[in-house]
């Protein structure tokens, strides 16, 4: 299962379509970090990859990353963002993020990064 957490309905839809076109069908989604955390806990042990937006209301992606790493230290986490701030990238990596993709991105780039972090 891949958990997609992004406050943009369109963003989640684009990600889901890209993933489904490349054979990833076991997808779960959440519209903010708080809902994402609930789903991460509910599906603990089943999630193979987290895709987290950075800028979201309620709980942002870095806060969610920190909360996830408190109970799941090994599942890959790829941060999705419009941010190019090197300090945020370094902080996310320090907190346990596996990768980083700058929006907008194409489906091929997304699936290539997923294959790398999931070691496929």
PDB file of N, CA and C in Angstrom:
ATOM      1  N   UNK A   1       0.831  -1.176   0.000  1.00  0.00           N
ATOM      2  CA  UNK A   1       0.000   0.000   0.000  1.00  0.00           C
ATOM      3  C   UNK A   1       0.882   1.249   0.000  1.00  0.00           C
ATOM      4  N   UNK A   2       0.462   2.240  -0.776  1.00  0.00           N
ATOM      5  CA  UNK A   2       1.116   3.540  -0.794  1.00  0.00           C
ATOM      6  C   UNK A   2       0.135   4.544  -0.201  1.00  0.00           C
ATOM      7  N   UNK A   3       0.596   5.302   0.794  1.00  0.00           N
ATOM      8  CA  UNK A   3      -0.235   6.332   1.410  1.00  0.00           C
ATOM      9  C   UNK A   3       0.164   7.687   0.836  1.00  0.00           C
ATOM     10  N   UNK A   4      -0.802   8.347   0.191  1.00  0.00           N
ATOM     11  CA  UNK A   4      -0.606   9.655  -0.423  1.00  0.00           C
ATOM     12  C   UNK A   4      -1.274  10.691   0.482  1.00  0.00           C
ATOM     13  N   UNK A   5      -0.489  11.640   0.984  1.00  0.00           N
ATOM     14  CA  UNK A   5      -1.047  12.679   1.849  1.00  0.00           C
ATOM     15  C   UNK A   5      -0.762  14.038   1.213  1.00  0.00           C
ATOM     16  N   UNK A   6      -1.826  14.685   0.735  1.00  0.00           N
ATOM     17  CA  UNK A   6      -1.708  15.974   0.059  1.00  0.00           C
ATOM     18  C   UNK A   6      -3.033  16.700   0.217  1.00  0.00           C
ATOM     19  N   UNK A   7      -2.983  17.984   0.536  1.00  0.00           N
ATOM     20  CA  UNK A   7      -4.226  18.734   0.729  1.00  0.00           C
ATOM     21  C   UNK A   7      -4.896  19.108  -0.589  1.00  0.00           C
ATOM     22  N   UNK A   8      -4.230  18.941  -1.703  1.00  0.00           N
ATOM     23  CA  UNK A   8      -4.802  19.260  -3.008  1.00  0.00           C
ATOM     24  C   UNK A   8      -5.507  18.042  -3.599  1.00  0.00           C
ATOM     25  N   UNK A   9      -6.821  18.175  -3.821  1.00  0.00           N
ATOM     26  CA  UNK A   9      -7.585  17.087  -4.457  1.00  0.00           C
ATOM     27  C   UNK A   9      -6.989  16.763  -5.819  1.00  0.00           C
ATOM     28  N   UNK A  10      -6.665  17.797  -6.574  1.00  0.00           N
ATOM     29  CA  UNK A  10      -6.104  17.603  -7.914  1.00  0.00           C
ATOM     30  C   UNK A  10      -4.732  16.933  -7.814  1.00  0.00           C
ATOM     31  N   UNK A  11      -3.934  17.371  -6.859  1.00  0.00           N
ATOM     32  CA  UNK A  11      -2.617  16.776  -6.659  1.00  0.00           C
ATOM     33  C   UNK A  11      -2.702  15.292  -6.363  1.00  0.00           C
ATOM     34  N   UNK A  12      -3.602  14.925  -5.442  1.00  0.00           N
ATOM     35  CA  UNK A  12      -3.773  13.499  -5.117  1.00  0.00           C
ATOM     36  C   UNK A  12      -4.249  12.720  -6.340  1.00  0.00           C
ATOM     37  N   UNK A  13      -5.150  13.308  -7.108  1.00  0.00           N
ATOM     38  CA  UNK A  13      -5.681  12.625  -8.290  1.00  0.00           C
ATOM     39  C   UNK A  13      -4.584  12.387  -9.328  1.00  0.00           C
ATOM     40  N   UNK A  14      -3.740  13.391  -9.554  1.00  0.00           N
ATOM     41  CA  UNK A  14      -2.633  13.256 -10.518  1.00  0.00           C
ATOM     42  C   UNK A  14      -1.669  12.162 -10.055  1.00  0.00           C
ATOM     43  N   UNK A  15      -1.348  12.171  -8.772  1.00  0.00           N
ATOM     44  CA  UNK A  15      -0.439  11.153  -8.229  1.00  0.00           C
ATOM     45  C   UNK A  15      -1.050   9.765  -8.387  1.00  0.00           C
ATOM     46  N   UNK A  16      -2.319   9.623  -8.012  1.00  0.00           N
ATOM     47  CA  UNK A  16      -2.989   8.312  -8.117  1.00  0.00           C
ATOM     48  C   UNK A  16      -3.008   7.818  -9.558  1.00  0.00           C
ATOM     49  N   UNK A  17      -3.351   8.691 -10.497  1.00  0.00           N
ATOM     50  CA  UNK A  17      -3.401   8.271 -11.906  1.00  0.00           C
ATOM     51  C   UNK A  17      -2.028   7.842 -12.397  1.00  0.00           C
ATOM     52  N   UNK A  18      -1.000   8.596 -12.028  1.00  0.00           N
ATOM     53  CA  UNK A  18       0.371   8.241 -12.429  1.00  0.00           C
ATOM     54  C   UNK A  18       0.759   6.877 -11.873  1.00  0.00           C
ATOM     55  N   UNK A  19       0.448   6.661 -10.603  1.00  0.00           N
ATOM     56  CA  UNK A  19       0.798   5.393  -9.972  1.00  0.00           C
ATOM     57  C   UNK A  19       0.020   4.234 -10.592  1.00  0.00           C
ATOM     58  N   UNK A  20      -1.275   4.428 -10.801  1.00  0.00           N
ATOM     59  CA  UNK A  20      -2.099   3.352 -11.360  1.00  0.00           C
ATOM     60  C   UNK A  20      -1.667   2.998 -12.778  1.00  0.00           C
ATOM     61  N   UNK A  21      -1.245   4.003 -13.554  1.00  0.00           N
ATOM     62  CA  UNK A  21      -0.763   3.736 -14.918  1.00  0.00           C
ATOM     63  C   UNK A  21       0.521   2.914 -14.899  1.00  0.00           C
ATOM     64  N   UNK A  22       1.211   2.915 -13.770  1.00  0.00           N
ATOM     65  CA  UNK A  22       2.471   2.171 -13.655  1.00  0.00           C
ATOM     66  C   UNK A  22       2.342   0.943 -12.762  1.00  0.00           C
ATOM     67  N   UNK A  23       1.105   0.485 -12.569  1.00  0.00           N
ATOM     68  CA  UNK A  23       0.886  -0.786 -11.893  1.00  0.00           C
ATOM     69  C   UNK A  23       0.703  -0.738 -10.392  1.00  0.00           C
ATOM     70  N   UNK A  24       0.720   0.448  -9.805  1.00  0.00           N
ATOM     71  CA  UNK A  24       0.507   0.564  -8.358  1.00  0.00           C
ATOM     72  C   UNK A  24      -0.985   0.795  -8.120  1.00  0.00           C
ATOM     73  N   UNK A  25      -1.632  -0.192  -7.528  1.00  0.00           N
ATOM     74  CA  UNK A  25      -3.081  -0.090  -7.372  1.00  0.00           C
ATOM     75  C   UNK A  25      -3.545  -0.052  -5.915  1.00  0.00           C
ATOM     76  N   UNK A  26      -2.705  -0.457  -4.996  1.00  0.00           N
ATOM     77  CA  UNK A  26      -3.081  -0.470  -3.587  1.00  0.00           C
ATOM     78  C   UNK A  26      -2.717   0.894  -2.995  1.00  0.00           C
ATOM     79  N   UNK A  27      -3.637   1.846  -3.141  1.00  0.00           N
ATOM     80  CA  UNK A  27      -3.386   3.233  -2.764  1.00  0.00           C
ATOM     81  C   UNK A  27      -4.386   3.700  -1.715  1.00  0.00           C
ATOM     82  N   UNK A  28      -3.898   4.475  -0.782  1.00  0.00           N
ATOM     83  CA  UNK A  28      -4.741   5.100   0.248  1.00  0.00           C
ATOM     84  C   UNK A  28      -4.387   6.578   0.218  1.00  0.00           C
ATOM     85  N   UNK A  29      -5.359   7.439   0.524  1.00  0.00           N
ATOM     86  CA  UNK A  29      -5.072   8.863   0.491  1.00  0.00           C
ATOM     87  C   UNK A  29      -5.655   9.590   1.683  1.00  0.00           C
ATOM     88  N   UNK A  30      -5.056  10.754   1.966  1.00  0.00           N
ATOM     89  CA  UNK A  30      -5.514  11.606   3.058  1.00  0.00           C
ATOM     90  C   UNK A  30      -5.335  13.059   2.635  1.00  0.00           C
ATOM     91  N   UNK A  31      -6.238  13.921   3.107  1.00  0.00           N
ATOM     92  CA  UNK A  31      -6.253  15.323   2.682  1.00  0.00           C
ATOM     93  C   UNK A  31      -5.456  16.265   3.579  1.00  0.00           C
ATOM     94  N   UNK A  32      -4.920  15.753   4.672  1.00  0.00           N
ATOM     95  CA  UNK A  32      -4.024  16.567   5.506  1.00  0.00           C
ATOM     96  C   UNK A  32      -3.216  15.642   6.404  1.00  0.00           C
ATOM     97  N   UNK A  33      -2.261  16.214   7.106  1.00  0.00           N
ATOM     98  CA  UNK A  33      -1.363  15.403   7.919  1.00  0.00           C
ATOM     99  C   UNK A  33      -2.040  14.664   9.052  1.00  0.00           C
ATOM    100  N   UNK A  34      -3.046  15.286   9.671  1.00  0.00           N
ATOM    101  CA  UNK A  34      -3.735  14.634  10.788  1.00  0.00           C
ATOM    102  C   UNK A  34      -4.472  13.383  10.319  1.00  0.00           C
ATOM    103  N   UNK A  35      -5.173  13.490   9.206  1.00  0.00           N
ATOM    104  CA  UNK A  35      -5.867  12.327   8.644  1.00  0.00           C
ATOM    105  C   UNK A  35      -4.835  11.305   8.169  1.00  0.00           C
ATOM    106  N   UNK A  36      -3.744  11.791   7.593  1.00  0.00           N
ATOM    107  CA  UNK A  36      -2.666  10.902   7.154  1.00  0.00           C
ATOM    108  C   UNK A  36      -2.093  10.105   8.309  1.00  0.00           C
ATOM    109  N   UNK A  37      -1.908  10.747   9.456  1.00  0.00           N
ATOM    110  CA  UNK A  37      -1.378  10.055  10.630  1.00  0.00           C
ATOM    111  C   UNK A  37      -2.348   8.978  11.103  1.00  0.00           C
ATOM    112  N   UNK A  38      -3.640   9.297  11.122  1.00  0.00           N
ATOM    113  CA  UNK A  38      -4.653   8.292  11.505  1.00  0.00           C
ATOM    114  C   UNK A  38      -4.573   7.083  10.584  1.00  0.00           C
ATOM    115  N   UNK A  39      -4.473   7.338   9.286  1.00  0.00           N
ATOM    116  CA  UNK A  39      -4.416   6.235   8.317  1.00  0.00           C
ATOM    117  C   UNK A  39      -3.094   5.471   8.426  1.00  0.00           C
ATOM    118  N   UNK A  40      -2.007   6.186   8.678  1.00  0.00           N
ATOM    119  CA  UNK A  40      -0.700   5.520   8.838  1.00  0.00           C
ATOM    120  C   UNK A  40      -0.750   4.563  10.024  1.00  0.00           C
ATOM    121  N   UNK A  41      -1.359   4.986  11.105  1.00  0.00           N
ATOM    122  CA  UNK A  41      -1.474   4.124  12.287  1.00  0.00           C
ATOM    123  C   UNK A  41      -2.438   2.963  12.029  1.00  0.00           C
ATOM    124  N   UNK A  42      -3.543   3.243  11.356  1.00  0.00           N
ATOM    125  CA  UNK A  42      -4.546   2.203  11.078  1.00  0.00           C
ATOM    126  C   UNK A  42      -4.003   1.121  10.152  1.00  0.00           C
ATOM    127  N   UNK A  43      -3.111   1.500   9.245  1.00  0.00           N
ATOM    128  CA  UNK A  43      -2.562   0.552   8.262  1.00  0.00           C
ATOM    129  C   UNK A  43      -1.113   0.191   8.560  1.00  0.00           C
ATOM    130  N   UNK A  44      -0.696   0.394   9.792  1.00  0.00           N
ATOM    131  CA  UNK A  44       0.688   0.132  10.184  1.00  0.00           C
ATOM    132  C   UNK A  44       1.093  -1.294   9.789  1.00  0.00           C
ATOM    133  N   UNK A  45       2.267  -1.415   9.185  1.00  0.00           N
ATOM    134  CA  UNK A  45       2.760  -2.717   8.743  1.00  0.00           C
ATOM    135  C   UNK A  45       2.346  -3.068   7.325  1.00  0.00           C
ATOM    136  N   UNK A  46       1.346  -2.369   6.777  1.00  0.00           N
ATOM    137  CA  UNK A  46       0.877  -2.635   5.412  1.00  0.00           C
ATOM    138  C   UNK A  46       1.393  -1.603   4.420  1.00  0.00           C
ATOM    139  N   UNK A  47       1.799  -0.450   4.930  1.00  0.00           N
ATOM    140  CA  UNK A  47       2.242   0.636   4.053  1.00  0.00           C
ATOM    141  C   UNK A  47       3.685   0.377   3.617  1.00  0.00           C
ATOM    142  N   UNK A  48       3.888   0.444   2.304  1.00  0.00           N
ATOM    143  CA  UNK A  48       5.209   0.200   1.722  1.00  0.00           C
ATOM    144  C   UNK A  48       5.910   1.507   1.341  1.00  0.00           C
ATOM    145  N   UNK A  49       5.132   2.617   1.275  1.00  0.00           N
ATOM    146  CA  UNK A  49       5.687   3.915   0.903  1.00  0.00           C
ATOM    147  C   UNK A  49       4.717   5.009   1.335  1.00  0.00           C
ATOM    148  N   UNK A  50       5.297   6.096   1.861  1.00  0.00           N
ATOM    149  CA  UNK A  50       4.530   7.302   2.175  1.00  0.00           C
ATOM    150  C   UNK A  50       4.922   8.381   1.179  1.00  0.00           C
ATOM    151  N   UNK A  51       3.935   9.061   0.592  1.00  0.00           N
ATOM    152  CA  UNK A  51       4.161  10.236  -0.252  1.00  0.00           C
ATOM    153  C   UNK A  51       3.512  11.406   0.471  1.00  0.00           C
ATOM    154  N   UNK A  52       4.315  12.336   0.980  1.00  0.00           N
ATOM    155  CA  UNK A  52       3.809  13.408   1.830  1.00  0.00           C
ATOM    156  C   UNK A  52       4.072  14.781   1.231  1.00  0.00           C
ATOM    157  N   UNK A  53       3.008  15.573   1.106  1.00  0.00           N
ATOM    158  CA  UNK A  53       3.156  16.974   0.747  1.00  0.00           C
ATOM    159  C   UNK A  53       3.728  17.697   1.965  1.00  0.00           C
ATOM    160  N   UNK A  54       4.492  18.751   1.747  1.00  0.00           N
ATOM    161  CA  UNK A  54       5.057  19.506   2.871  1.00  0.00           C
ATOM    162  C   UNK A  54       4.049  20.514   3.416  1.00  0.00           C
ATOM    163  N   UNK A  55       3.509  21.346   2.539  1.00  0.00           N
ATOM    164  CA  UNK A  55       2.640  22.439   2.974  1.00  0.00           C
ATOM    165  C   UNK A  55       1.174  22.017   2.966  1.00  0.00           C
ATOM    166  N   UNK A  56       0.665  21.738   4.172  1.00  0.00           N
ATOM    167  CA  UNK A  56      -0.737  21.330   4.335  1.00  0.00           C
ATOM    168  C   UNK A  56      -1.289  21.983   5.601  1.00  0.00           C
ATOM    169  N   UNK A  57      -2.610  22.171   5.628  1.00  0.00           N
ATOM    170  CA  UNK A  57      -3.229  22.672   6.857  1.00  0.00           C
ATOM    171  C   UNK A  57      -3.337  21.555   7.902  1.00  0.00           C
ATOM    172  N   UNK A  58      -3.659  21.908   9.098  1.00  0.00           N
ATOM    173  CA  UNK A  58      -3.875  21.015  10.241  1.00  0.00           C
ATOM    174  C   UNK A  58      -2.559  20.443  10.754  1.00  0.00           C
ATOM    175  N   UNK A  59      -1.852  19.683   9.931  1.00  0.00           N
ATOM    176  CA  UNK A  59      -0.541  19.132  10.269  1.00  0.00           C
ATOM    177  C   UNK A  59       0.268  19.094   8.985  1.00  0.00           C
ATOM    178  N   UNK A  60       1.416  19.780   8.961  1.00  0.00           N
ATOM    179  CA  UNK A  60       2.187  19.803   7.719  1.00  0.00           C
ATOM    180  C   UNK A  60       2.986  18.516   7.536  1.00  0.00           C
ATOM    181  N   UNK A  61       3.620  18.398   6.385  1.00  0.00           N
ATOM    182  CA  UNK A  61       4.336  17.174   6.050  1.00  0.00           C
ATOM    183  C   UNK A  61       5.517  16.861   6.952  1.00  0.00           C
ATOM    184  N   UNK A  62       6.220  17.893   7.407  1.00  0.00           N
ATOM    185  CA  UNK A  62       7.352  17.646   8.311  1.00  0.00           C
ATOM    186  C   UNK A  62       6.864  17.156   9.675  1.00  0.00           C
ATOM    187  N   UNK A  63       5.773  17.724  10.147  1.00  0.00           N
ATOM    188  CA  UNK A  63       5.189  17.251  11.416  1.00  0.00           C
ATOM    189  C   UNK A  63       4.705  15.813  11.279  1.00  0.00           C
ATOM    190  N   UNK A  64       4.092  15.523  10.134  1.00  0.00           N
ATOM    191  CA  UNK A  64       3.619  14.160   9.883  1.00  0.00           C
ATOM    192  C   UNK A  64       4.793  13.193   9.786  1.00  0.00           C
ATOM    193  N   UNK A  65       5.839  13.586   9.090  1.00  0.00           N
ATOM    194  CA  UNK A  65       7.040  12.752   8.982  1.00  0.00           C
ATOM    195  C   UNK A  65       7.576  12.413  10.369  1.00  0.00           C
ATOM    196  N   UNK A  66       7.672  13.415  11.225  1.00  0.00           N
ATOM    197  CA  UNK A  66       8.169  13.196  12.583  1.00  0.00           C
ATOM    198  C   UNK A  66       7.268  12.221  13.351  1.00  0.00           C
ATOM    199  N   UNK A  67       5.948  12.380  13.213  1.00  0.00           N
ATOM    200  CA  UNK A  67       5.000  11.497  13.900  1.00  0.00           C
ATOM    201  C   UNK A  67       5.092  10.066  13.371  1.00  0.00           C
ATOM    202  N   UNK A  68       5.230   9.909  12.060  1.00  0.00           N
ATOM    203  CA  UNK A  68       5.352   8.574  11.465  1.00  0.00           C
ATOM    204  C   UNK A  68       6.643   7.898  11.928  1.00  0.00           C
ATOM    205  N   UNK A  69       7.742   8.642  11.924  1.00  0.00           N
ATOM    206  CA  UNK A  69       9.029   8.060  12.310  1.00  0.00           C
ATOM    207  C   UNK A  69       9.054   7.634  13.782  1.00  0.00           C
ATOM    208  N   UNK A  70       8.114   8.120  14.578  1.00  0.00           N
ATOM    209  CA  UNK A  70       8.034   7.699  15.985  1.00  0.00           C
ATOM    210  C   UNK A  70       7.622   6.230  16.104  1.00  0.00           C
ATOM    211  N   UNK A  71       6.892   5.702  15.082  1.00  0.00           N
ATOM    212  CA  UNK A  71       6.463   4.294  15.148  1.00  0.00           C
ATOM    213  C   UNK A  71       6.863   3.483  13.921  1.00  0.00           C
ATOM    214  N   UNK A  72       7.367   4.125  12.886  1.00  0.00           N
ATOM    215  CA  UNK A  72       7.784   3.420  11.665  1.00  0.00           C
ATOM    216  C   UNK A  72       9.079   4.054  11.172  1.00  0.00           C
ATOM    217  N   UNK A  73      10.176   3.396  11.459  1.00  0.00           N
ATOM    218  CA  UNK A  73      11.482   3.967  11.115  1.00  0.00           C
ATOM    219  C   UNK A  73      12.056   3.453   9.799  1.00  0.00           C
ATOM    220  N   UNK A  74      11.395   2.484   9.179  1.00  0.00           N
ATOM    221  CA  UNK A  74      12.017   1.873   8.006  1.00  0.00           C
ATOM    222  C   UNK A  74      11.282   2.076   6.679  1.00  0.00           C
ATOM    223  N   UNK A  75       9.999   2.359   6.694  1.00  0.00           N
ATOM    224  CA  UNK A  75       9.260   2.520   5.441  1.00  0.00           C
ATOM    225  C   UNK A  75       9.709   3.800   4.735  1.00  0.00           C
ATOM    226  N   UNK A  76       9.994   3.726   3.420  1.00  0.00           N
ATOM    227  CA  UNK A  76      10.422   4.928   2.696  1.00  0.00           C
ATOM    228  C   UNK A  76       9.372   6.046   2.738  1.00  0.00           C
ATOM    229  N   UNK A  77       9.865   7.283   2.846  1.00  0.00           N
ATOM    230  CA  UNK A  77       9.012   8.469   2.826  1.00  0.00           C
ATOM    231  C   UNK A  77       9.566   9.426   1.777  1.00  0.00           C
ATOM    232  N   UNK A  78       8.728   9.768   0.795  1.00  0.00           N
ATOM    233  CA  UNK A  78       9.113  10.735  -0.228  1.00  0.00           C
ATOM    234  C   UNK A  78       8.286  11.998  -0.007  1.00  0.00           C
ATOM    235  N   UNK A  79       8.982  13.112   0.121  1.00  0.00           N
ATOM    236  CA  UNK A  79       8.333  14.400   0.327  1.00  0.00           C
ATOM    237  C   UNK A  79       8.023  15.010  -1.039  1.00  0.00           C
ATOM    238  N   UNK A  80       6.801  15.543  -1.185  1.00  0.00           N
ATOM    239  CA  UNK A  80       6.363  16.190  -2.421  1.00  0.00           C
ATOM    240  C   UNK A  80       6.105  17.653  -2.108  1.00  0.00           C
ATOM    241  N   UNK A  81       6.714  18.558  -2.867  1.00  0.00           N
ATOM    242  CA  UNK A  81       6.537  19.962  -2.523  1.00  0.00           C
ATOM    243  C   UNK A  81       6.912  20.894  -3.662  1.00  0.00           C
ATOM    244  N   UNK A  82       6.425  22.109  -3.562  1.00  0.00           N
ATOM    245  CA  UNK A  82       6.849  23.172  -4.468  1.00  0.00           C
ATOM    246  C   UNK A  82       8.077  23.870  -3.905  1.00  0.00           C
ATOM    247  N   UNK A  83       8.443  23.531  -2.673  1.00  0.00           N
ATOM    248  CA  UNK A  83       9.586  24.142  -1.981  1.00  0.00           C
ATOM    249  C   UNK A  83      10.908  23.733  -2.628  1.00  0.00           C
ATOM    250  N   UNK A  84      11.785  24.687  -2.779  1.00  0.00           N
ATOM    251  CA  UNK A  84      13.144  24.371  -3.220  1.00  0.00           C
ATOM    252  C   UNK A  84      14.139  24.770  -2.127  1.00  0.00           C
ATOM    253  N   UNK A  85      13.617  25.071  -0.958  1.00  0.00           N
ATOM    254  CA  UNK A  85      14.423  25.500   0.189  1.00  0.00           C
ATOM    255  C   UNK A  85      15.336  24.367   0.648  1.00  0.00           C
ATOM    256  N   UNK A  86      16.639  24.561   0.467  1.00  0.00           N
ATOM    257  CA  UNK A  86      17.626  23.529   0.823  1.00  0.00           C
ATOM    258  C   UNK A  86      17.591  23.206   2.317  1.00  0.00           C
ATOM    259  N   UNK A  87      17.297  24.197   3.158  1.00  0.00           N
ATOM    260  CA  UNK A  87      17.238  23.960   4.606  1.00  0.00           C
ATOM    261  C   UNK A  87      16.087  23.014   4.949  1.00  0.00           C
ATOM    262  N   UNK A  88      14.935  23.187   4.283  1.00  0.00           N
ATOM    263  CA  UNK A  88      13.806  22.283   4.530  1.00  0.00           C
ATOM    264  C   UNK A  88      14.130  20.879   4.039  1.00  0.00           C
ATOM    265  N   UNK A  89      14.805  20.806   2.901  1.00  0.00           N
ATOM    266  CA  UNK A  89      15.191  19.494   2.374  1.00  0.00           C
ATOM    267  C   UNK A  89      16.124  18.791   3.361  1.00  0.00           C
ATOM    268  N   UNK A  90      17.103  19.525   3.875  1.00  0.00           N
ATOM    269  CA  UNK A  90      18.050  18.947   4.825  1.00  0.00           C
ATOM    270  C   UNK A  90      17.339  18.518   6.104  1.00  0.00           C
ATOM    271  N   UNK A  91      16.398  19.331   6.573  1.00  0.00           N
ATOM    272  CA  UNK A  91      15.647  19.001   7.792  1.00  0.00           C
ATOM    273  C   UNK A  91      14.827  17.730   7.575  1.00  0.00           C
ATOM    274  N   UNK A  92      14.156  17.626   6.413  1.00  0.00           N
ATOM    275  CA  UNK A  92      13.353  16.440   6.108  1.00  0.00           C
ATOM    276  C   UNK A  92      14.246  15.195   6.071  1.00  0.00           C
ATOM    277  N   UNK A  93      15.405  15.311   5.454  1.00  0.00           N
ATOM    278  CA  UNK A  93      16.325  14.165   5.391  1.00  0.00           C
ATOM    279  C   UNK A  93      16.791  13.773   6.790  1.00  0.00           C
ATOM    280  N   UNK A  94      17.120  14.780   7.587  1.00  0.00           N
ATOM    281  CA  UNK A  94      17.553  14.552   8.970  1.00  0.00           C
ATOM    282  C   UNK A  94      16.441  13.865   9.786  1.00  0.00           C
ATOM    283  N   UNK A  95      15.191  14.197   9.475  1.00  0.00           N
ATOM    284  CA  UNK A  95      14.049  13.626  10.191  1.00  0.00           C
ATOM    285  C   UNK A  95      13.678  12.234   9.688  1.00  0.00           C
ATOM    286  N   UNK A  96      14.313  11.789   8.597  1.00  0.00           N
ATOM    287  CA  UNK A  96      14.064  10.441   8.119  1.00  0.00           C
ATOM    288  C   UNK A  96      13.426  10.320   6.753  1.00  0.00           C
ATOM    289  N   UNK A  97      13.298  11.425   6.017  1.00  0.00           N
ATOM    290  CA  UNK A  97      12.761  11.336   4.657  1.00  0.00           C
ATOM    291  C   UNK A  97      13.753  10.597   3.772  1.00  0.00           C
ATOM    292  N   UNK A  98      13.228   9.783   2.883  1.00  0.00           N
ATOM    293  CA  UNK A  98      14.047   8.988   1.988  1.00  0.00           C
ATOM    294  C   UNK A  98      14.355   9.739   0.703  1.00  0.00           C
ATOM    295  N   UNK A  99      13.397  10.560   0.252  1.00  0.00           N
ATOM    296  CA  UNK A  99      13.560  11.282  -1.005  1.00  0.00           C
ATOM    297  C   UNK A  99      12.715  12.534  -1.035  1.00  0.00           C
ATOM    298  N   UNK A 100      12.850  13.292  -2.129  1.00  0.00           N
ATOM    299  CA  UNK A 100      12.218  14.596  -2.264  1.00  0.00           C
ATOM    300  C   UNK A 100      11.902  14.799  -3.733  1.00  0.00           C
ATOM    301  N   UNK A 101      10.681  15.172  -4.068  1.00  0.00           N
ATOM    302  CA  UNK A 101      10.313  15.483  -5.452  1.00  0.00           C
ATOM    303  C   UNK A 101       9.701  16.883  -5.477  1.00  0.00           C
ATOM    304  N   UNK A 102      10.220  17.721  -6.368  1.00  0.00           N
ATOM    305  CA  UNK A 102       9.712  19.083  -6.522  1.00  0.00           C
ATOM    306  C   UNK A 102       8.532  19.073  -7.495  1.00  0.00           C
ATOM    307  N   UNK A 103       7.418  19.694  -7.068  1.00  0.00           N
ATOM    308  CA  UNK A 103       6.246  19.844  -7.932  1.00  0.00           C
ATOM    309  C   UNK A 103       6.464  21.044  -8.844  1.00  0.00           C
ATOM    310  N   UNK A 104       5.928  21.046 -10.029  1.00  0.00           N
ATOM    311  CA  UNK A 104       5.225  19.925 -10.655  1.00  0.00           C
ATOM    312  C   UNK A 104       6.227  18.888 -11.171  1.00  0.00           C
ATOM    313  N   UNK A 105       5.786  17.656 -11.227  1.00  0.00           N
ATOM    314  CA  UNK A 105       6.621  16.568 -11.725  1.00  0.00           C
ATOM    315  C   UNK A 105       5.779  15.728 -12.663  1.00  0.00           C
ATOM    316  N   UNK A 106       6.447  14.941 -13.494  1.00  0.00           N
ATOM    317  CA  UNK A 106       5.683  14.062 -14.382  1.00  0.00           C
ATOM    318  C   UNK A 106       5.615  12.662 -13.778  1.00  0.00           C
ATOM    319  N   UNK A 107       4.703  11.879 -14.291  1.00  0.00           N
ATOM    320  CA  UNK A 107       4.476  10.532 -13.772  1.00  0.00           C
ATOM    321  C   UNK A 107       5.696   9.645 -13.863  1.00  0.00           C
ATOM    322  N   UNK A 108       6.486   9.835 -14.920  1.00  0.00           N
ATOM    323  CA  UNK A 108       7.686   9.007 -15.094  1.00  0.00           C
ATOM    324  C   UNK A 108       8.710   9.291 -13.985  1.00  0.00           C
ATOM    325  N   UNK A 109       8.903  10.567 -13.678  1.00  0.00           N
ATOM    326  CA  UNK A 109       9.847  10.918 -12.616  1.00  0.00           C
ATOM    327  C   UNK A 109       9.369  10.350 -11.276  1.00  0.00           C
ATOM    328  N   UNK A 110       8.072  10.468 -11.012  1.00  0.00           N
ATOM    329  CA  UNK A 110       7.506   9.946  -9.770  1.00  0.00           C
ATOM    330  C   UNK A 110       7.731   8.442  -9.661  1.00  0.00           C
ATOM    331  N   UNK A 111       7.400   7.701 -10.692  1.00  0.00           N
ATOM    332  CA  UNK A 111       7.550   6.253 -10.617  1.00  0.00           C
ATOM    333  C   UNK A 111       9.019   5.839 -10.563  1.00  0.00           C
ATOM    334  N   UNK A 112       9.904   6.584 -11.217  1.00  0.00           N
ATOM    335  CA  UNK A 112      11.340   6.274 -11.127  1.00  0.00           C
ATOM    336  C   UNK A 112      11.832   6.429  -9.696  1.00  0.00           C
ATOM    337  N   UNK A 113      11.435   7.514  -9.033  1.00  0.00           N
ATOM    338  CA  UNK A 113      11.839   7.729  -7.645  1.00  0.00           C
ATOM    339  C   UNK A 113      11.256   6.633  -6.754  1.00  0.00           C
ATOM    340  N   UNK A 114      10.005   6.267  -6.992  1.00  0.00           N
ATOM    341  CA  UNK A 114       9.369   5.211  -6.186  1.00  0.00           C
ATOM    342  C   UNK A 114      10.111   3.897  -6.346  1.00  0.00           C
ATOM    343  N   UNK A 115      10.464   3.555  -7.559  1.00  0.00           N
ATOM    344  CA  UNK A 115      11.197   2.306  -7.795  1.00  0.00           C
ATOM    345  C   UNK A 115      12.535   2.310  -7.074  1.00  0.00           C
ATOM    346  N   UNK A 116      13.187   3.455  -7.044  1.00  0.00           N
ATOM    347  CA  UNK A 116      14.488   3.559  -6.357  1.00  0.00           C
ATOM    348  C   UNK A 116      14.312   3.393  -4.860  1.00  0.00           C
ATOM    349  N   UNK A 117      13.388   4.154  -4.264  1.00  0.00           N
ATOM    350  CA  UNK A 117      13.255   4.101  -2.796  1.00  0.00           C
ATOM    351  C   UNK A 117      12.649   2.788  -2.303  1.00  0.00           C
ATOM    352  N   UNK A 118      11.840   2.154  -3.155  1.00  0.00           N
ATOM    353  CA  UNK A 118      11.252   0.868  -2.770  1.00  0.00           C
ATOM    354  C   UNK A 118      12.147  -0.298  -3.196  1.00  0.00           C
ATOM    355  N   UNK A 119      13.274   0.044  -3.823  1.00  0.00           N
ATOM    356  CA  UNK A 119      14.256  -0.952  -4.271  1.00  0.00           C
ATOM    357  C   UNK A 119      13.640  -2.009  -5.188  1.00  0.00           C
ATOM    358  N   UNK A 120      12.883  -1.530  -6.170  1.00  0.00           N
ATOM    359  CA  UNK A 120      12.231  -2.453  -7.126  1.00  0.00           C
ATOM    360  C   UNK A 120      13.099  -2.632  -8.347  1.00  0.00           C
TER     361      UNK A 120
END
